[in-house]
Amino acid sequence: MIDGTDELSEFKRGERRGKINTKPGLNRFLRVTAGGKMRVDAAKIKAEANFDGKYLLRCSDPKLSAEDIAVGYEQLLEVERGWRDMKSVLDLRPVYPRLEERIRAHVLLCWLALLLVRIIETRAGAAWPNMRRELDGLHVGTFIGPTGTFRRLTSLTKVQIDLLARTGAPTPKPIIDLNPATV
């Protein structure tokens, strides 16, 4: 963005500097000389490079090792993803706990959701989003006629049968409920 700005008028350089100021990621590496010319601040880039790939984590438990804290933080995304998936499957409304016991219950449910997902992933040897996408094709239809009502599961695909077998879940019956009409 600053290539060729030395040849621009002071006003045009000011405009370009204004555009760069709106981009904090770039602006922090911009240096303006005493003559008003823009340069890349190599010292700031080098200082920032020292922190690339590093982050600071703080924990209130002094007994945990740095590795345990880092692993726990990295798994946070998985916990949140597991909980989001479980809430969407169950169609739960958003939860905003404020009381101590509700926060603890929320954390416990998140942990249980992650545990369930991890058990399923370990048994099936596949990622939860892929398995969920496959199993989302299962539906139950309710059919009503003059002879009665019944509920039927859609036909299982080969992939769905394989997933259920690998997780140890029983294959569901095609006819779930059968209620003959009363005369």
N, C-alpha and C. Protein backbone atom coordinates (compact mmCIF):
# COMPACT_ATOMS: atom_id res chain seq x y z
N MET A 1 0.82 -1.21 0.00
CA MET A 1 0.00 0.00 0.00
C MET A 1 0.86 1.27 0.00
N ILE A 2 2.11 1.15 0.40
CA ILE A 2 2.94 2.37 0.44
C ILE A 2 3.92 2.44 -0.73
N ASP A 3 3.91 1.40 -1.60
CA ASP A 3 4.79 1.45 -2.77
C ASP A 3 4.46 2.67 -3.63
N GLY A 4 5.47 3.41 -4.00
CA GLY A 4 5.30 4.56 -4.89
C GLY A 4 4.76 5.81 -4.22
N THR A 5 4.60 5.80 -2.92
CA THR A 5 4.04 6.99 -2.25
C THR A 5 5.05 8.12 -2.12
N ASP A 6 6.35 7.83 -2.29
CA ASP A 6 7.35 8.89 -2.21
C ASP A 6 7.15 9.91 -3.32
N GLU A 7 6.61 9.47 -4.47
CA GLU A 7 6.39 10.38 -5.60
C GLU A 7 5.07 11.14 -5.49
N LEU A 8 4.21 10.76 -4.59
CA LEU A 8 2.91 11.43 -4.43
C LEU A 8 3.07 12.77 -3.72
N SER A 9 2.09 13.62 -3.92
CA SER A 9 2.09 14.91 -3.20
C SER A 9 1.83 14.65 -1.72
N GLU A 10 2.12 15.66 -0.92
CA GLU A 10 1.91 15.51 0.53
C GLU A 10 0.45 15.21 0.84
N PHE A 11 -0.46 15.85 0.10
CA PHE A 11 -1.88 15.64 0.32
C PHE A 11 -2.28 14.19 0.01
N LYS A 12 -1.80 13.67 -1.14
CA LYS A 12 -2.12 12.30 -1.53
C LYS A 12 -1.51 11.30 -0.56
N ARG A 13 -0.29 11.59 -0.06
CA ARG A 13 0.32 10.70 0.94
C ARG A 13 -0.52 10.69 2.21
N GLY A 14 -1.05 11.85 2.59
CA GLY A 14 -1.92 11.95 3.76
C GLY A 14 -3.19 11.12 3.58
N GLU A 15 -3.75 11.16 2.37
CA GLU A 15 -4.93 10.33 2.10
C GLU A 15 -4.60 8.84 2.25
N ARG A 16 -3.46 8.45 1.68
CA ARG A 16 -3.06 7.04 1.76
C ARG A 16 -2.81 6.64 3.22
N ARG A 17 -2.18 7.54 3.98
CA ARG A 17 -1.94 7.27 5.40
C ARG A 17 -3.26 7.11 6.14
N GLY A 18 -4.26 7.91 5.76
CA GLY A 18 -5.59 7.81 6.37
C GLY A 18 -6.23 6.45 6.09
N LYS A 19 -6.05 5.95 4.86
CA LYS A 19 -6.59 4.62 4.53
C LYS A 19 -5.91 3.53 5.36
N ILE A 20 -4.60 3.66 5.51
CA ILE A 20 -3.85 2.66 6.29
C ILE A 20 -4.23 2.74 7.76
N ASN A 21 -4.54 3.94 8.26
CA ASN A 21 -4.94 4.10 9.67
C ASN A 21 -6.21 3.33 9.99
N THR A 22 -7.05 3.07 8.99
CA THR A 22 -8.29 2.32 9.23
C THR A 22 -8.04 0.82 9.32
N LYS A 23 -6.82 0.39 9.04
CA LYS A 23 -6.45 -1.03 9.10
C LYS A 23 -5.42 -1.24 10.20
N PRO A 24 -5.90 -1.53 11.43
CA PRO A 24 -4.98 -1.63 12.57
C PRO A 24 -3.88 -2.66 12.37
N GLY A 25 -4.16 -3.73 11.65
CA GLY A 25 -3.15 -4.75 11.41
C GLY A 25 -1.98 -4.23 10.60
N LEU A 26 -2.24 -3.28 9.72
CA LEU A 26 -1.18 -2.68 8.91
C LEU A 26 -0.61 -1.44 9.57
N ASN A 27 -1.47 -0.64 10.17
CA ASN A 27 -1.07 0.66 10.72
C ASN A 27 0.02 0.52 11.78
N ARG A 28 -0.02 -0.56 12.56
CA ARG A 28 0.96 -0.69 13.62
C ARG A 28 2.37 -0.91 13.08
N PHE A 29 2.51 -1.29 11.81
CA PHE A 29 3.83 -1.50 11.21
C PHE A 29 4.24 -0.34 10.31
N LEU A 30 3.47 0.74 10.33
CA LEU A 30 3.78 1.91 9.51
C LEU A 30 4.60 2.91 10.31
N ARG A 31 5.65 3.43 9.68
CA ARG A 31 6.48 4.48 10.30
C ARG A 31 6.49 5.64 9.33
N VAL A 32 6.31 6.85 9.86
CA VAL A 32 6.34 8.05 9.03
C VAL A 32 7.62 8.82 9.36
N THR A 33 8.38 9.12 8.32
CA THR A 33 9.64 9.84 8.52
C THR A 33 9.37 11.30 8.82
N ALA A 34 10.42 12.02 9.19
CA ALA A 34 10.29 13.45 9.49
C ALA A 34 9.82 14.22 8.25
N GLY A 35 10.17 13.73 7.07
CA GLY A 35 9.76 14.38 5.82
C GLY A 35 8.36 13.98 5.38
N GLY A 36 7.67 13.15 6.17
CA GLY A 36 6.30 12.76 5.85
C GLY A 36 6.19 11.55 4.94
N LYS A 37 7.31 10.87 4.73
CA LYS A 37 7.29 9.68 3.87
C LYS A 37 6.98 8.44 4.71
N MET A 38 6.27 7.50 4.09
CA MET A 38 5.85 6.29 4.82
C MET A 38 6.84 5.16 4.57
N ARG A 39 7.15 4.47 5.66
CA ARG A 39 8.07 3.34 5.60
C ARG A 39 7.52 2.20 6.44
N VAL A 40 7.95 0.99 6.13
CA VAL A 40 7.60 -0.18 6.93
C VAL A 40 8.56 -0.21 8.11
N ASP A 41 8.03 -0.35 9.32
CA ASP A 41 8.85 -0.38 10.53
C ASP A 41 9.34 -1.80 10.77
N ALA A 42 10.55 -2.09 10.29
CA ALA A 42 11.12 -3.43 10.39
C ALA A 42 11.33 -3.86 11.84
N ALA A 43 11.65 -2.91 12.73
CA ALA A 43 11.87 -3.24 14.14
C ALA A 43 10.57 -3.75 14.78
N LYS A 44 9.44 -3.12 14.45
CA LYS A 44 8.16 -3.58 15.01
C LYS A 44 7.78 -4.94 14.44
N ILE A 45 8.07 -5.17 13.18
CA ILE A 45 7.77 -6.47 12.58
C ILE A 45 8.59 -7.56 13.26
N LYS A 46 9.87 -7.28 13.51
CA LYS A 46 10.72 -8.27 14.17
C LYS A 46 10.24 -8.53 15.60
N ALA A 47 9.86 -7.46 16.32
CA ALA A 47 9.35 -7.63 17.69
C ALA A 47 8.07 -8.46 17.70
N GLU A 48 7.18 -8.22 16.74
CA GLU A 48 5.93 -9.00 16.65
C GLU A 48 6.22 -10.46 16.29
N ALA A 49 7.22 -10.68 15.43
CA ALA A 49 7.56 -12.04 15.01
C ALA A 49 7.99 -12.89 16.18
N ASN A 50 8.55 -12.28 17.22
CA ASN A 50 8.96 -13.04 18.40
C ASN A 50 7.77 -13.67 19.12
N PHE A 51 6.57 -13.11 18.91
CA PHE A 51 5.38 -13.63 19.58
C PHE A 51 4.50 -14.47 18.67
N ASP A 52 4.89 -14.66 17.42
CA ASP A 52 4.08 -15.45 16.49
C ASP A 52 3.90 -16.86 17.03
N GLY A 53 2.65 -17.32 17.04
CA GLY A 53 2.36 -18.68 17.48
C GLY A 53 2.36 -18.85 18.98
N LYS A 54 2.46 -17.77 19.73
CA LYS A 54 2.48 -17.86 21.19
C LYS A 54 1.29 -17.11 21.76
N TYR A 55 0.79 -17.60 22.86
CA TYR A 55 -0.29 -16.91 23.55
C TYR A 55 -0.11 -17.11 25.05
N LEU A 56 -0.71 -16.23 25.80
CA LEU A 56 -0.58 -16.26 27.25
C LEU A 56 -1.89 -16.77 27.85
N LEU A 57 -1.77 -17.75 28.72
CA LEU A 57 -2.94 -18.29 29.42
C LEU A 57 -2.73 -18.11 30.92
N ARG A 58 -3.78 -17.75 31.59
CA ARG A 58 -3.72 -17.58 33.03
C ARG A 58 -4.73 -18.51 33.66
N CYS A 59 -4.35 -19.13 34.76
CA CYS A 59 -5.23 -20.09 35.42
C CYS A 59 -5.20 -19.85 36.93
N SER A 60 -6.33 -20.08 37.56
CA SER A 60 -6.40 -19.86 39.00
C SER A 60 -5.97 -21.08 39.81
N ASP A 61 -5.69 -22.20 39.15
CA ASP A 61 -5.28 -23.42 39.85
C ASP A 61 -3.76 -23.57 39.75
N PRO A 62 -3.03 -23.31 40.84
CA PRO A 62 -1.56 -23.38 40.77
C PRO A 62 -1.02 -24.80 40.64
N LYS A 63 -1.88 -25.80 40.84
CA LYS A 63 -1.42 -27.19 40.78
C LYS A 63 -1.33 -27.71 39.35
N LEU A 64 -2.00 -27.04 38.40
CA LEU A 64 -1.98 -27.49 37.01
C LEU A 64 -0.66 -27.11 36.34
N SER A 65 -0.15 -28.03 35.51
CA SER A 65 1.07 -27.73 34.76
C SER A 65 0.71 -26.85 33.56
N ALA A 66 1.71 -26.23 32.99
CA ALA A 66 1.50 -25.38 31.81
C ALA A 66 0.91 -26.20 30.66
N GLU A 67 1.37 -27.44 30.53
CA GLU A 67 0.87 -28.30 29.46
C GLU A 67 -0.61 -28.61 29.65
N ASP A 68 -1.01 -28.89 30.90
CA ASP A 68 -2.42 -29.20 31.18
C ASP A 68 -3.30 -27.99 30.89
N ILE A 69 -2.82 -26.82 31.25
CA ILE A 69 -3.60 -25.59 31.00
C ILE A 69 -3.75 -25.37 29.50
N ALA A 70 -2.66 -25.56 28.75
CA ALA A 70 -2.70 -25.36 27.30
C ALA A 70 -3.64 -26.37 26.64
N VAL A 71 -3.56 -27.63 27.04
CA VAL A 71 -4.44 -28.65 26.47
C VAL A 71 -5.90 -28.34 26.79
N GLY A 72 -6.16 -27.92 28.03
CA GLY A 72 -7.52 -27.56 28.41
C GLY A 72 -8.06 -26.42 27.59
N TYR A 73 -7.22 -25.43 27.33
CA TYR A 73 -7.65 -24.29 26.53
C TYR A 73 -7.93 -24.70 25.09
N GLU A 74 -7.04 -25.54 24.53
CA GLU A 74 -7.24 -25.98 23.15
C GLU A 74 -8.51 -26.81 23.02
N GLN A 75 -8.88 -27.53 24.06
CA GLN A 75 -10.09 -28.36 24.00
C GLN A 75 -11.35 -27.54 24.24
N LEU A 76 -11.19 -26.29 24.63
CA LEU A 76 -12.35 -25.44 24.87
C LEU A 76 -13.22 -25.33 23.63
N LEU A 77 -12.59 -25.16 22.48
CA LEU A 77 -13.34 -25.07 21.24
C LEU A 77 -14.15 -26.34 21.00
N GLU A 78 -13.55 -27.48 21.29
CA GLU A 78 -14.26 -28.75 21.11
C GLU A 78 -15.43 -28.87 22.09
N VAL A 79 -15.24 -28.42 23.30
CA VAL A 79 -16.33 -28.46 24.29
C VAL A 79 -17.48 -27.59 23.81
N GLU A 80 -17.16 -26.38 23.37
CA GLU A 80 -18.21 -25.46 22.91
C GLU A 80 -18.90 -26.00 21.67
N ARG A 81 -18.13 -26.60 20.75
CA ARG A 81 -18.73 -27.17 19.55
C ARG A 81 -19.66 -28.33 19.92
N GLY A 82 -19.20 -29.18 20.85
CA GLY A 82 -20.02 -30.31 21.29
C GLY A 82 -21.32 -29.84 21.92
N TRP A 83 -21.23 -28.81 22.74
CA TRP A 83 -22.44 -28.29 23.39
C TRP A 83 -23.38 -27.65 22.38
N ARG A 84 -22.82 -26.89 21.43
CA ARG A 84 -23.65 -26.27 20.40
C ARG A 84 -24.37 -27.35 19.59
N ASP A 85 -23.63 -28.41 19.25
CA ASP A 85 -24.25 -29.50 18.49
C ASP A 85 -25.38 -30.14 19.29
N MET A 86 -25.12 -30.39 20.57
CA MET A 86 -26.15 -31.03 21.39
C MET A 86 -27.37 -30.13 21.55
N LYS A 87 -27.13 -28.81 21.74
CA LYS A 87 -28.26 -27.90 21.89
C LYS A 87 -29.08 -27.82 20.61
N SER A 88 -28.42 -27.86 19.46
CA SER A 88 -29.16 -27.77 18.21
C SER A 88 -29.94 -29.06 17.95
N VAL A 89 -29.38 -30.20 18.32
CA VAL A 89 -30.08 -31.47 18.15
C VAL A 89 -31.32 -31.49 19.03
N LEU A 90 -31.19 -30.98 20.25
CA LEU A 90 -32.32 -30.98 21.19
C LEU A 90 -33.22 -29.76 21.04
N ASP A 91 -32.86 -28.83 20.14
CA ASP A 91 -33.59 -27.58 19.94
C ASP A 91 -33.76 -26.80 21.25
N LEU A 92 -32.68 -26.68 22.00
CA LEU A 92 -32.73 -25.91 23.24
C LEU A 92 -32.60 -24.43 22.94
N ARG A 93 -33.26 -23.63 23.73
CA ARG A 93 -33.14 -22.19 23.57
C ARG A 93 -31.79 -21.74 24.14
N PRO A 94 -31.35 -20.52 23.83
CA PRO A 94 -30.08 -20.05 24.39
C PRO A 94 -30.11 -20.04 25.91
N VAL A 95 -28.98 -20.36 26.52
CA VAL A 95 -28.87 -20.41 27.98
C VAL A 95 -27.89 -19.34 28.43
N TYR A 96 -28.31 -18.51 29.36
CA TYR A 96 -27.45 -17.47 29.91
C TYR A 96 -27.45 -17.61 31.44
N PRO A 97 -26.70 -18.57 31.95
CA PRO A 97 -26.73 -18.79 33.40
C PRO A 97 -26.04 -17.66 34.16
N ARG A 98 -26.63 -17.27 35.28
CA ARG A 98 -26.04 -16.22 36.11
C ARG A 98 -25.77 -16.71 37.53
N LEU A 99 -26.57 -17.65 37.98
CA LEU A 99 -26.40 -18.17 39.33
C LEU A 99 -25.32 -19.24 39.35
N GLU A 100 -24.61 -19.32 40.46
CA GLU A 100 -23.48 -20.26 40.59
C GLU A 100 -23.86 -21.69 40.24
N GLU A 101 -24.98 -22.18 40.80
CA GLU A 101 -25.35 -23.58 40.55
C GLU A 101 -25.75 -23.81 39.09
N ARG A 102 -26.30 -22.80 38.45
CA ARG A 102 -26.67 -22.95 37.04
C ARG A 102 -25.43 -22.93 36.14
N ILE A 103 -24.47 -22.11 36.50
CA ILE A 103 -23.21 -22.09 35.75
C ILE A 103 -22.52 -23.44 35.87
N ARG A 104 -22.48 -23.99 37.08
CA ARG A 104 -21.87 -25.31 37.28
C ARG A 104 -22.62 -26.37 36.48
N ALA A 105 -23.94 -26.30 36.48
CA ALA A 105 -24.73 -27.27 35.71
C ALA A 105 -24.45 -27.13 34.22
N HIS A 106 -24.33 -25.91 33.75
CA HIS A 106 -24.04 -25.65 32.33
C HIS A 106 -22.68 -26.24 31.95
N VAL A 107 -21.68 -26.01 32.79
CA VAL A 107 -20.34 -26.54 32.53
C VAL A 107 -20.37 -28.07 32.54
N LEU A 108 -21.10 -28.66 33.48
CA LEU A 108 -21.20 -30.12 33.54
C LEU A 108 -21.86 -30.67 32.28
N LEU A 109 -22.92 -30.02 31.82
CA LEU A 109 -23.58 -30.47 30.60
C LEU A 109 -22.67 -30.34 29.39
N CYS A 110 -21.89 -29.26 29.33
CA CYS A 110 -20.92 -29.10 28.24
C CYS A 110 -19.91 -30.23 28.27
N TRP A 111 -19.44 -30.55 29.46
CA TRP A 111 -18.46 -31.62 29.62
C TRP A 111 -19.07 -32.96 29.20
N LEU A 112 -20.29 -33.22 29.62
CA LEU A 112 -20.96 -34.47 29.24
C LEU A 112 -21.18 -34.55 27.73
N ALA A 113 -21.54 -33.43 27.12
CA ALA A 113 -21.72 -33.41 25.67
C ALA A 113 -20.41 -33.74 24.97
N LEU A 114 -19.33 -33.15 25.43
CA LEU A 114 -18.02 -33.43 24.84
C LEU A 114 -17.65 -34.90 25.05
N LEU A 115 -17.89 -35.40 26.25
CA LEU A 115 -17.57 -36.80 26.55
C LEU A 115 -18.33 -37.74 25.61
N LEU A 116 -19.61 -37.48 25.43
CA LEU A 116 -20.42 -38.30 24.54
C LEU A 116 -19.89 -38.24 23.11
N VAL A 117 -19.57 -37.07 22.64
CA VAL A 117 -19.03 -36.91 21.29
C VAL A 117 -17.71 -37.65 21.15
N ARG A 118 -16.83 -37.51 22.15
CA ARG A 118 -15.52 -38.17 22.11
C ARG A 118 -15.65 -39.70 22.11
N ILE A 119 -16.58 -40.23 22.91
CA ILE A 119 -16.79 -41.68 22.94
C ILE A 119 -17.25 -42.16 21.56
N ILE A 120 -18.18 -41.43 20.98
CA ILE A 120 -18.70 -41.81 19.66
C ILE A 120 -17.59 -41.72 18.62
N GLU A 121 -16.79 -40.63 18.65
CA GLU A 121 -15.70 -40.48 17.69
C GLU A 121 -14.67 -41.60 17.84
N THR A 122 -14.35 -41.95 19.09
CA THR A 122 -13.36 -43.00 19.34
C THR A 122 -13.87 -44.35 18.84
N ARG A 123 -15.11 -44.67 19.14
CA ARG A 123 -15.67 -45.97 18.71
C ARG A 123 -15.80 -46.06 17.19
N ALA A 124 -16.22 -44.97 16.58
CA ALA A 124 -16.47 -45.01 15.14
C ALA A 124 -15.22 -44.73 14.31
N GLY A 125 -14.23 -44.09 14.93
CA GLY A 125 -13.03 -43.74 14.18
C GLY A 125 -13.29 -42.68 13.13
N ALA A 126 -14.24 -41.79 13.41
CA ALA A 126 -14.60 -40.72 12.48
C ALA A 126 -14.90 -39.45 13.27
N ALA A 127 -14.88 -38.32 12.59
CA ALA A 127 -15.15 -37.03 13.23
C ALA A 127 -16.66 -36.84 13.43
N TRP A 128 -17.03 -36.22 14.54
CA TRP A 128 -18.44 -36.01 14.88
C TRP A 128 -19.20 -35.24 13.81
N PRO A 129 -18.67 -34.13 13.26
CA PRO A 129 -19.46 -33.42 12.24
C PRO A 129 -19.80 -34.29 11.04
N ASN A 130 -18.87 -35.15 10.62
CA ASN A 130 -19.14 -36.03 9.48
C ASN A 130 -20.21 -37.06 9.84
N MET A 131 -20.10 -37.65 11.04
CA MET A 131 -21.09 -38.64 11.46
C MET A 131 -22.46 -37.99 11.60
N ARG A 132 -22.48 -36.81 12.18
CA ARG A 132 -23.77 -36.13 12.38
C ARG A 132 -24.42 -35.82 11.04
N ARG A 133 -23.62 -35.39 10.08
CA ARG A 133 -24.15 -35.08 8.75
C ARG A 133 -24.78 -36.35 8.13
N GLU A 134 -24.12 -37.48 8.30
CA GLU A 134 -24.66 -38.74 7.77
C GLU A 134 -25.94 -39.14 8.49
N LEU A 135 -25.93 -39.05 9.81
CA LEU A 135 -27.09 -39.50 10.59
C LEU A 135 -28.26 -38.52 10.55
N ASP A 136 -28.00 -37.28 10.13
CA ASP A 136 -29.11 -36.31 9.99
C ASP A 136 -30.10 -36.74 8.91
N GLY A 137 -29.70 -37.68 8.07
CA GLY A 137 -30.62 -38.17 7.03
C GLY A 137 -31.68 -39.11 7.55
N LEU A 138 -31.55 -39.54 8.79
CA LEU A 138 -32.57 -40.42 9.38
C LEU A 138 -33.79 -39.59 9.79
N HIS A 139 -34.95 -40.00 9.35
CA HIS A 139 -36.19 -39.29 9.70
C HIS A 139 -37.28 -40.31 10.01
N VAL A 140 -38.24 -39.89 10.78
CA VAL A 140 -39.40 -40.72 11.09
C VAL A 140 -40.62 -40.05 10.48
N GLY A 141 -41.36 -40.83 9.71
CA GLY A 141 -42.59 -40.32 9.11
C GLY A 141 -43.80 -40.95 9.77
N THR A 142 -44.84 -40.18 9.98
CA THR A 142 -46.08 -40.68 10.55
C THR A 142 -47.10 -40.81 9.42
N PHE A 143 -47.66 -41.99 9.30
CA PHE A 143 -48.61 -42.28 8.23
C PHE A 143 -49.96 -42.62 8.85
N ILE A 144 -51.00 -41.94 8.37
CA ILE A 144 -52.35 -42.13 8.91
C ILE A 144 -53.25 -42.58 7.76
N GLY A 145 -53.97 -43.66 7.99
CA GLY A 145 -54.88 -44.18 6.97
C GLY A 145 -56.12 -44.75 7.61
N PRO A 146 -57.02 -45.28 6.80
CA PRO A 146 -58.28 -45.83 7.33
C PRO A 146 -58.06 -47.05 8.21
N THR A 147 -56.94 -47.75 8.05
CA THR A 147 -56.69 -48.95 8.87
C THR A 147 -55.88 -48.64 10.12
N GLY A 148 -55.41 -47.40 10.27
CA GLY A 148 -54.66 -47.05 11.47
C GLY A 148 -53.52 -46.08 11.20
N THR A 149 -52.67 -45.99 12.18
CA THR A 149 -51.53 -45.08 12.13
C THR A 149 -50.25 -45.86 12.41
N PHE A 150 -49.21 -45.51 11.67
CA PHE A 150 -47.91 -46.10 12.00
C PHE A 150 -46.81 -45.08 11.75
N ARG A 151 -45.71 -45.28 12.45
CA ARG A 151 -44.53 -44.42 12.29
C ARG A 151 -43.42 -45.28 11.74
N ARG A 152 -42.78 -44.77 10.67
CA ARG A 152 -41.74 -45.55 10.00
C ARG A 152 -40.47 -44.71 9.85
N LEU A 153 -39.34 -45.39 10.06
CA LEU A 153 -38.03 -44.78 9.90
C LEU A 153 -37.62 -44.86 8.43
N THR A 154 -36.97 -43.83 7.95
CA THR A 154 -36.45 -43.89 6.58
C THR A 154 -35.45 -45.03 6.47
N SER A 155 -35.26 -45.53 5.27
CA SER A 155 -34.32 -46.64 5.06
C SER A 155 -32.90 -46.20 5.37
N LEU A 156 -32.18 -47.08 6.05
CA LEU A 156 -30.80 -46.77 6.41
C LEU A 156 -29.89 -46.95 5.20
N THR A 157 -28.92 -46.05 5.06
CA THR A 157 -27.92 -46.19 4.00
C THR A 157 -26.81 -47.11 4.51
N LYS A 158 -25.96 -47.53 3.60
CA LYS A 158 -24.82 -48.39 3.99
C LYS A 158 -23.92 -47.65 4.97
N VAL A 159 -23.68 -46.36 4.75
CA VAL A 159 -22.82 -45.56 5.64
C VAL A 159 -23.44 -45.47 7.03
N GLN A 160 -24.74 -45.24 7.11
CA GLN A 160 -25.42 -45.15 8.40
C GLN A 160 -25.37 -46.47 9.15
N ILE A 161 -25.60 -47.58 8.45
CA ILE A 161 -25.52 -48.90 9.08
C ILE A 161 -24.12 -49.14 9.62
N ASP A 162 -23.12 -48.78 8.83
CA ASP A 162 -21.72 -48.96 9.24
C ASP A 162 -21.40 -48.11 10.47
N LEU A 163 -21.86 -46.85 10.48
CA LEU A 163 -21.62 -45.97 11.64
C LEU A 163 -22.25 -46.52 12.90
N LEU A 164 -23.49 -46.97 12.80
CA LEU A 164 -24.18 -47.51 13.97
C LEU A 164 -23.47 -48.76 14.48
N ALA A 165 -22.99 -49.60 13.56
CA ALA A 165 -22.28 -50.82 13.96
C ALA A 165 -20.97 -50.48 14.67
N ARG A 166 -20.23 -49.50 14.13
CA ARG A 166 -18.94 -49.13 14.73
C ARG A 166 -19.10 -48.48 16.10
N THR A 167 -20.20 -47.78 16.32
CA THR A 167 -20.42 -47.14 17.63
C THR A 167 -21.04 -48.10 18.64
N GLY A 168 -21.52 -49.24 18.16
CA GLY A 168 -22.13 -50.21 19.07
C GLY A 168 -23.60 -49.92 19.31
N ALA A 169 -24.17 -48.99 18.56
CA ALA A 169 -25.59 -48.66 18.71
C ALA A 169 -26.42 -49.68 17.93
N PRO A 170 -27.54 -50.11 18.49
CA PRO A 170 -28.37 -51.07 17.76
C PRO A 170 -29.01 -50.43 16.54
N THR A 171 -29.23 -51.22 15.51
CA THR A 171 -29.90 -50.73 14.31
C THR A 171 -31.38 -50.55 14.64
N PRO A 172 -31.93 -49.37 14.41
CA PRO A 172 -33.34 -49.15 14.76
C PRO A 172 -34.28 -49.94 13.85
N LYS A 173 -35.43 -50.29 14.39
CA LYS A 173 -36.43 -51.04 13.63
C LYS A 173 -37.07 -50.09 12.61
N PRO A 174 -37.43 -50.61 11.43
CA PRO A 174 -38.04 -49.73 10.43
C PRO A 174 -39.42 -49.22 10.87
N ILE A 175 -40.22 -50.08 11.48
CA ILE A 175 -41.54 -49.65 11.96
C ILE A 175 -41.41 -49.36 13.45
N ILE A 176 -41.62 -48.12 13.83
CA ILE A 176 -41.41 -47.71 15.22
C ILE A 176 -42.67 -47.87 16.05
N ASP A 177 -43.80 -47.55 15.45
CA ASP A 177 -45.06 -47.57 16.21
C ASP A 177 -46.18 -47.97 15.26
N LEU A 178 -47.06 -48.84 15.72
CA LEU A 178 -48.17 -49.32 14.88
C LEU A 178 -49.44 -49.30 15.73
N ASN A 179 -50.40 -48.51 15.33
CA ASN A 179 -51.67 -48.40 16.05
C ASN A 179 -52.83 -48.65 15.08
N PRO A 180 -53.43 -49.84 15.13
CA PRO A 180 -54.59 -50.11 14.23
C PRO A 180 -55.76 -49.20 14.60
N ALA A 181 -56.56 -48.93 13.59
CA ALA A 181 -57.74 -48.08 13.81
C ALA A 181 -58.77 -48.86 14.63
N THR A 182 -59.46 -48.16 15.49
CA THR A 182 -60.51 -48.79 16.29
C THR A 182 -61.82 -48.72 15.53
N VAL A 183 -62.60 -49.80 15.60
CA VAL A 183 -63.86 -49.87 14.84
C VAL A 183 -65.00 -49.42 15.68
